[in-house]
Amino acid sequence: MTLQGWAILLALQAAGEVLARALALPYPGPVVGMLLLWLALRSSAVQARVGPVCEGLLAHLSLLFVPVGVGVMTHLPLLGAYGWQLALVIVLSTWIGLAVTALVVRALMRTEPAKEA
């Protein structure tokens, strides 16, 4: 992993934080930073420097789930009390999202492409 790749990733995340706060965007800084990274990845120079860092991060991806596991263990009594409601909300929202997506795709497929005159 190269230091330049890490520097690019951290600089883009910091730039995302600065932009999100300075412009009072309704999106979190890391999301803005990810969009900046997506734009920067169009450059082969950025790809070459960030690629090895990303491969290293992906090799240790399971470590990134440790904080989530600790959070679940910390709030286990809360999950015990409201677990079935959380599961119900997750399942229903997933199904609603799928249904809305299917309806939008169906509506878009029905429309005819614009005919050239």
N, C-alpha and C. Protein backbone atom coordinates (compact mmCIF):
# COMPACT_ATOMS: atom_id res chain seq x y z
N MET A 1 0.84 -1.18 0.00
CA MET A 1 0.00 0.00 0.00
C MET A 1 0.89 1.24 0.00
N THR A 2 0.51 2.17 -0.82
CA THR A 2 1.34 3.36 -0.96
C THR A 2 0.82 4.49 -0.07
N LEU A 3 1.75 5.28 0.39
CA LEU A 3 1.40 6.43 1.22
C LEU A 3 0.63 7.48 0.40
N GLN A 4 0.96 7.57 -0.88
CA GLN A 4 0.25 8.53 -1.75
C GLN A 4 -1.23 8.14 -1.89
N GLY A 5 -1.49 6.86 -1.99
CA GLY A 5 -2.88 6.40 -2.10
C GLY A 5 -3.67 6.72 -0.86
N TRP A 6 -3.06 6.47 0.32
CA TRP A 6 -3.72 6.83 1.57
C TRP A 6 -3.97 8.32 1.65
N ALA A 7 -2.98 9.10 1.23
CA ALA A 7 -3.11 10.56 1.29
C ALA A 7 -4.25 11.03 0.40
N ILE A 8 -4.39 10.43 -0.77
CA ILE A 8 -5.48 10.82 -1.68
C ILE A 8 -6.83 10.50 -1.04
N LEU A 9 -6.96 9.29 -0.50
CA LEU A 9 -8.23 8.90 0.13
C LEU A 9 -8.59 9.81 1.30
N LEU A 10 -7.61 10.08 2.15
CA LEU A 10 -7.88 10.93 3.31
C LEU A 10 -8.15 12.38 2.91
N ALA A 11 -7.45 12.86 1.88
CA ALA A 11 -7.68 14.23 1.41
C ALA A 11 -9.08 14.38 0.82
N LEU A 12 -9.52 13.37 0.08
CA LEU A 12 -10.87 13.44 -0.50
C LEU A 12 -11.95 13.36 0.57
N GLN A 13 -11.71 12.54 1.59
CA GLN A 13 -12.69 12.49 2.67
C GLN A 13 -12.73 13.81 3.43
N ALA A 14 -11.56 14.38 3.69
CA ALA A 14 -11.52 15.68 4.37
C ALA A 14 -12.18 16.75 3.53
N ALA A 15 -11.94 16.73 2.23
CA ALA A 15 -12.58 17.71 1.34
C ALA A 15 -14.10 17.53 1.36
N GLY A 16 -14.55 16.28 1.42
CA GLY A 16 -15.99 16.03 1.52
C GLY A 16 -16.57 16.58 2.81
N GLU A 17 -15.85 16.41 3.91
CA GLU A 17 -16.31 16.98 5.19
C GLU A 17 -16.39 18.50 5.13
N VAL A 18 -15.35 19.11 4.57
CA VAL A 18 -15.32 20.57 4.48
C VAL A 18 -16.46 21.08 3.61
N LEU A 19 -16.65 20.45 2.45
CA LEU A 19 -17.73 20.88 1.55
C LEU A 19 -19.10 20.69 2.19
N ALA A 20 -19.31 19.55 2.84
CA ALA A 20 -20.62 19.28 3.44
C ALA A 20 -20.94 20.29 4.54
N ARG A 21 -19.93 20.64 5.33
CA ARG A 21 -20.18 21.60 6.42
C ARG A 21 -20.24 23.04 5.91
N ALA A 22 -19.35 23.40 4.98
CA ALA A 22 -19.30 24.78 4.50
C ALA A 22 -20.55 25.13 3.69
N LEU A 23 -21.03 24.18 2.91
CA LEU A 23 -22.20 24.44 2.07
C LEU A 23 -23.50 24.00 2.73
N ALA A 24 -23.42 23.49 3.96
CA ALA A 24 -24.59 23.00 4.70
C ALA A 24 -25.39 22.01 3.87
N LEU A 25 -24.67 21.06 3.29
CA LEU A 25 -25.31 20.05 2.45
C LEU A 25 -26.09 19.07 3.32
N PRO A 26 -27.17 18.50 2.79
CA PRO A 26 -27.94 17.54 3.58
C PRO A 26 -27.31 16.14 3.57
N TYR A 27 -26.10 16.01 3.06
CA TYR A 27 -25.41 14.73 2.98
C TYR A 27 -24.21 14.73 3.91
N PRO A 28 -23.88 13.58 4.49
CA PRO A 28 -22.71 13.53 5.35
C PRO A 28 -21.41 13.72 4.57
N GLY A 29 -20.39 14.22 5.24
CA GLY A 29 -19.09 14.45 4.61
C GLY A 29 -18.50 13.24 3.92
N PRO A 30 -18.54 12.04 4.54
CA PRO A 30 -17.98 10.87 3.86
C PRO A 30 -18.68 10.54 2.53
N VAL A 31 -19.97 10.82 2.45
CA VAL A 31 -20.68 10.57 1.19
C VAL A 31 -20.20 11.55 0.12
N VAL A 32 -20.02 12.80 0.49
CA VAL A 32 -19.50 13.80 -0.46
C VAL A 32 -18.08 13.42 -0.86
N GLY A 33 -17.29 12.96 0.11
CA GLY A 33 -15.93 12.51 -0.18
C GLY A 33 -15.92 11.33 -1.13
N MET A 34 -16.88 10.43 -0.98
CA MET A 34 -16.98 9.27 -1.88
C MET A 34 -17.33 9.73 -3.29
N LEU A 35 -18.18 10.72 -3.41
CA LEU A 35 -18.49 11.26 -4.74
C LEU A 35 -17.26 11.92 -5.36
N LEU A 36 -16.49 12.62 -4.55
CA LEU A 36 -15.24 13.21 -5.05
C LEU A 36 -14.27 12.12 -5.49
N LEU A 37 -14.20 11.03 -4.72
CA LEU A 37 -13.34 9.90 -5.11
C LEU A 37 -13.80 9.30 -6.42
N TRP A 38 -15.11 9.17 -6.58
CA TRP A 38 -15.65 8.61 -7.81
C TRP A 38 -15.24 9.47 -9.01
N LEU A 39 -15.30 10.78 -8.84
CA LEU A 39 -14.87 11.67 -9.91
C LEU A 39 -13.36 11.58 -10.13
N ALA A 40 -12.60 11.48 -9.06
CA ALA A 40 -11.14 11.43 -9.17
C ALA A 40 -10.67 10.12 -9.81
N LEU A 41 -11.44 9.07 -9.66
CA LEU A 41 -11.03 7.77 -10.22
C LEU A 41 -11.09 7.72 -11.74
N ARG A 42 -11.57 8.76 -12.35
CA ARG A 42 -11.54 8.83 -13.82
C ARG A 42 -10.11 9.05 -14.31
N SER A 43 -9.25 9.51 -13.42
CA SER A 43 -7.85 9.73 -13.76
C SER A 43 -7.06 8.44 -13.52
N SER A 44 -6.28 8.02 -14.51
CA SER A 44 -5.49 6.79 -14.35
C SER A 44 -4.40 6.97 -13.30
N ALA A 45 -3.92 8.19 -13.09
CA ALA A 45 -2.91 8.42 -12.07
C ALA A 45 -3.48 8.15 -10.67
N VAL A 46 -4.71 8.59 -10.44
CA VAL A 46 -5.36 8.34 -9.16
C VAL A 46 -5.65 6.85 -9.00
N GLN A 47 -6.10 6.21 -10.08
CA GLN A 47 -6.38 4.78 -10.03
C GLN A 47 -5.14 4.00 -9.64
N ALA A 48 -4.00 4.35 -10.22
CA ALA A 48 -2.76 3.62 -9.96
C ALA A 48 -2.31 3.78 -8.51
N ARG A 49 -2.55 4.94 -7.92
CA ARG A 49 -2.10 5.18 -6.55
C ARG A 49 -3.09 4.64 -5.51
N VAL A 50 -4.37 4.72 -5.81
CA VAL A 50 -5.39 4.30 -4.85
C VAL A 50 -5.66 2.79 -4.94
N GLY A 51 -5.43 2.19 -6.09
CA GLY A 51 -5.71 0.77 -6.30
C GLY A 51 -5.09 -0.15 -5.26
N PRO A 52 -3.78 -0.07 -5.02
CA PRO A 52 -3.17 -0.95 -4.02
C PRO A 52 -3.72 -0.74 -2.60
N VAL A 53 -4.07 0.49 -2.28
CA VAL A 53 -4.64 0.77 -0.96
C VAL A 53 -6.00 0.10 -0.84
N CYS A 54 -6.80 0.19 -1.88
CA CYS A 54 -8.13 -0.43 -1.86
C CYS A 54 -8.04 -1.94 -1.78
N GLU A 55 -7.08 -2.53 -2.48
CA GLU A 55 -6.90 -3.98 -2.41
C GLU A 55 -6.52 -4.39 -0.99
N GLY A 56 -5.68 -3.61 -0.34
CA GLY A 56 -5.31 -3.90 1.04
C GLY A 56 -6.48 -3.77 1.98
N LEU A 57 -7.31 -2.75 1.78
CA LEU A 57 -8.49 -2.59 2.62
C LEU A 57 -9.48 -3.72 2.41
N LEU A 58 -9.66 -4.13 1.17
CA LEU A 58 -10.59 -5.23 0.89
C LEU A 58 -10.09 -6.55 1.48
N ALA A 59 -8.78 -6.73 1.55
CA ALA A 59 -8.23 -7.95 2.13
C ALA A 59 -8.56 -8.05 3.62
N HIS A 60 -8.73 -6.90 4.27
CA HIS A 60 -9.02 -6.88 5.70
C HIS A 60 -10.42 -6.34 5.97
N LEU A 61 -11.32 -6.54 5.05
CA LEU A 61 -12.67 -5.98 5.16
C LEU A 61 -13.40 -6.50 6.40
N SER A 62 -13.15 -7.74 6.77
CA SER A 62 -13.86 -8.30 7.93
C SER A 62 -13.57 -7.53 9.21
N LEU A 63 -12.39 -6.91 9.31
CA LEU A 63 -12.08 -6.12 10.50
C LEU A 63 -12.97 -4.89 10.62
N LEU A 64 -13.47 -4.40 9.49
CA LEU A 64 -14.31 -3.21 9.52
C LEU A 64 -15.69 -3.50 10.11
N PHE A 65 -16.04 -4.79 10.25
CA PHE A 65 -17.33 -5.15 10.84
C PHE A 65 -17.25 -5.29 12.36
N VAL A 66 -16.06 -5.23 12.93
CA VAL A 66 -15.91 -5.35 14.38
C VAL A 66 -16.67 -4.25 15.11
N PRO A 67 -16.57 -2.96 14.72
CA PRO A 67 -17.33 -1.94 15.45
C PRO A 67 -18.84 -2.18 15.41
N VAL A 68 -19.34 -2.71 14.29
CA VAL A 68 -20.78 -3.00 14.21
C VAL A 68 -21.14 -4.10 15.19
N GLY A 69 -20.31 -5.13 15.24
CA GLY A 69 -20.56 -6.22 16.18
C GLY A 69 -20.52 -5.75 17.62
N VAL A 70 -19.58 -4.88 17.95
CA VAL A 70 -19.51 -4.32 19.30
C VAL A 70 -20.75 -3.49 19.61
N GLY A 71 -21.20 -2.73 18.62
CA GLY A 71 -22.42 -1.93 18.82
C GLY A 71 -23.63 -2.81 19.07
N VAL A 72 -23.74 -3.91 18.35
CA VAL A 72 -24.86 -4.83 18.57
C VAL A 72 -24.78 -5.44 19.97
N MET A 73 -23.58 -5.85 20.36
CA MET A 73 -23.42 -6.44 21.69
C MET A 73 -23.70 -5.41 22.80
N THR A 74 -23.34 -4.16 22.57
CA THR A 74 -23.58 -3.11 23.56
C THR A 74 -25.08 -2.87 23.75
N HIS A 75 -25.82 -2.94 22.66
CA HIS A 75 -27.25 -2.64 22.71
C HIS A 75 -28.10 -3.91 22.66
N LEU A 76 -27.56 -5.02 23.13
CA LEU A 76 -28.29 -6.29 23.10
C LEU A 76 -29.60 -6.23 23.87
N PRO A 77 -29.65 -5.59 25.06
CA PRO A 77 -30.95 -5.51 25.74
C PRO A 77 -32.00 -4.73 24.93
N LEU A 78 -31.54 -3.69 24.23
CA LEU A 78 -32.45 -2.91 23.39
C LEU A 78 -32.96 -3.77 22.23
N LEU A 79 -32.07 -4.55 21.64
CA LEU A 79 -32.48 -5.45 20.56
C LEU A 79 -33.42 -6.53 21.08
N GLY A 80 -33.19 -6.99 22.33
CA GLY A 80 -34.09 -7.97 22.91
C GLY A 80 -35.49 -7.42 23.11
N ALA A 81 -35.56 -6.15 23.47
CA ALA A 81 -36.87 -5.53 23.74
C ALA A 81 -37.60 -5.16 22.44
N TYR A 82 -36.86 -4.69 21.45
CA TYR A 82 -37.49 -4.18 20.23
C TYR A 82 -37.05 -4.93 18.98
N GLY A 83 -36.43 -6.08 19.14
CA GLY A 83 -35.89 -6.82 18.00
C GLY A 83 -36.91 -7.18 16.94
N TRP A 84 -38.07 -7.67 17.38
CA TRP A 84 -39.07 -8.08 16.39
C TRP A 84 -39.62 -6.89 15.63
N GLN A 85 -39.72 -5.72 16.30
CA GLN A 85 -40.19 -4.53 15.59
C GLN A 85 -39.15 -4.06 14.57
N LEU A 86 -37.88 -4.12 14.97
CA LEU A 86 -36.81 -3.75 14.03
C LEU A 86 -36.80 -4.68 12.82
N ALA A 87 -36.93 -5.98 13.08
CA ALA A 87 -36.94 -6.96 11.99
C ALA A 87 -38.13 -6.70 11.07
N LEU A 88 -39.29 -6.41 11.65
CA LEU A 88 -40.49 -6.14 10.85
C LEU A 88 -40.30 -4.90 9.98
N VAL A 89 -39.75 -3.84 10.57
CA VAL A 89 -39.52 -2.61 9.81
C VAL A 89 -38.51 -2.85 8.68
N ILE A 90 -37.46 -3.60 8.96
CA ILE A 90 -36.45 -3.88 7.93
C ILE A 90 -37.07 -4.68 6.79
N VAL A 91 -37.84 -5.72 7.11
CA VAL A 91 -38.45 -6.55 6.06
C VAL A 91 -39.47 -5.73 5.27
N LEU A 92 -40.34 -4.99 5.96
CA LEU A 92 -41.36 -4.21 5.24
C LEU A 92 -40.74 -3.12 4.37
N SER A 93 -39.74 -2.42 4.89
CA SER A 93 -39.13 -1.36 4.09
C SER A 93 -38.40 -1.94 2.88
N THR A 94 -37.81 -3.11 3.04
CA THR A 94 -37.17 -3.76 1.90
C THR A 94 -38.20 -4.11 0.83
N TRP A 95 -39.32 -4.70 1.25
CA TRP A 95 -40.36 -5.07 0.29
C TRP A 95 -40.98 -3.84 -0.37
N ILE A 96 -41.19 -2.79 0.40
CA ILE A 96 -41.75 -1.56 -0.18
C ILE A 96 -40.77 -0.97 -1.20
N GLY A 97 -39.50 -0.96 -0.85
CA GLY A 97 -38.48 -0.46 -1.80
C GLY A 97 -38.44 -1.27 -3.07
N LEU A 98 -38.52 -2.60 -2.95
CA LEU A 98 -38.55 -3.45 -4.14
C LEU A 98 -39.80 -3.20 -4.98
N ALA A 99 -40.94 -3.05 -4.32
CA ALA A 99 -42.19 -2.82 -5.06
C ALA A 99 -42.16 -1.49 -5.79
N VAL A 100 -41.70 -0.45 -5.12
CA VAL A 100 -41.62 0.87 -5.77
C VAL A 100 -40.65 0.82 -6.95
N THR A 101 -39.53 0.16 -6.76
CA THR A 101 -38.57 0.03 -7.87
C THR A 101 -39.19 -0.71 -9.04
N ALA A 102 -39.91 -1.79 -8.77
CA ALA A 102 -40.55 -2.55 -9.85
C ALA A 102 -41.59 -1.70 -10.58
N LEU A 103 -42.37 -0.92 -9.82
CA LEU A 103 -43.38 -0.07 -10.46
C LEU A 103 -42.73 1.02 -11.31
N VAL A 104 -41.66 1.60 -10.84
CA VAL A 104 -40.97 2.64 -11.61
C VAL A 104 -40.37 2.04 -12.88
N VAL A 105 -39.75 0.87 -12.77
CA VAL A 105 -39.18 0.22 -13.94
C VAL A 105 -40.27 -0.13 -14.94
N ARG A 106 -41.39 -0.64 -14.46
CA ARG A 106 -42.50 -0.98 -15.36
C ARG A 106 -43.02 0.27 -16.07
N ALA A 107 -43.16 1.37 -15.33
CA ALA A 107 -43.65 2.61 -15.93
C ALA A 107 -42.65 3.15 -16.96
N LEU A 108 -41.38 3.05 -16.65
CA LEU A 108 -40.37 3.54 -17.60
C LEU A 108 -40.27 2.66 -18.84
N MET A 109 -40.52 1.39 -18.69
CA MET A 109 -40.46 0.49 -19.85
C MET A 109 -41.66 0.68 -20.78
N ARG A 110 -42.77 1.18 -20.23
CA ARG A 110 -43.97 1.41 -21.05
C ARG A 110 -43.83 2.62 -21.95
N THR A 111 -43.08 3.61 -21.49
CA THR A 111 -42.95 4.82 -22.29
C THR A 111 -42.14 4.52 -23.54
N GLU A 112 -42.58 5.08 -24.62
CA GLU A 112 -41.91 4.85 -25.90
C GLU A 112 -40.75 5.84 -26.02
N PRO A 113 -39.66 5.40 -26.65
CA PRO A 113 -38.57 6.33 -26.87
C PRO A 113 -38.99 7.44 -27.83
N ALA A 114 -38.41 8.61 -27.67
CA ALA A 114 -38.74 9.74 -28.52
C ALA A 114 -38.39 9.42 -29.96
N LYS A 115 -39.33 9.70 -30.86
CA LYS A 115 -39.10 9.42 -32.28
C LYS A 115 -38.47 10.63 -32.93
N GLU A 116 -37.46 10.38 -33.73
CA GLU A 116 -36.80 11.48 -34.42
C GLU A 116 -37.60 11.87 -35.67
N ALA A 117 -37.73 13.15 -35.90
CA ALA A 117 -38.53 13.61 -37.05
C ALA A 117 -37.68 13.72 -38.28
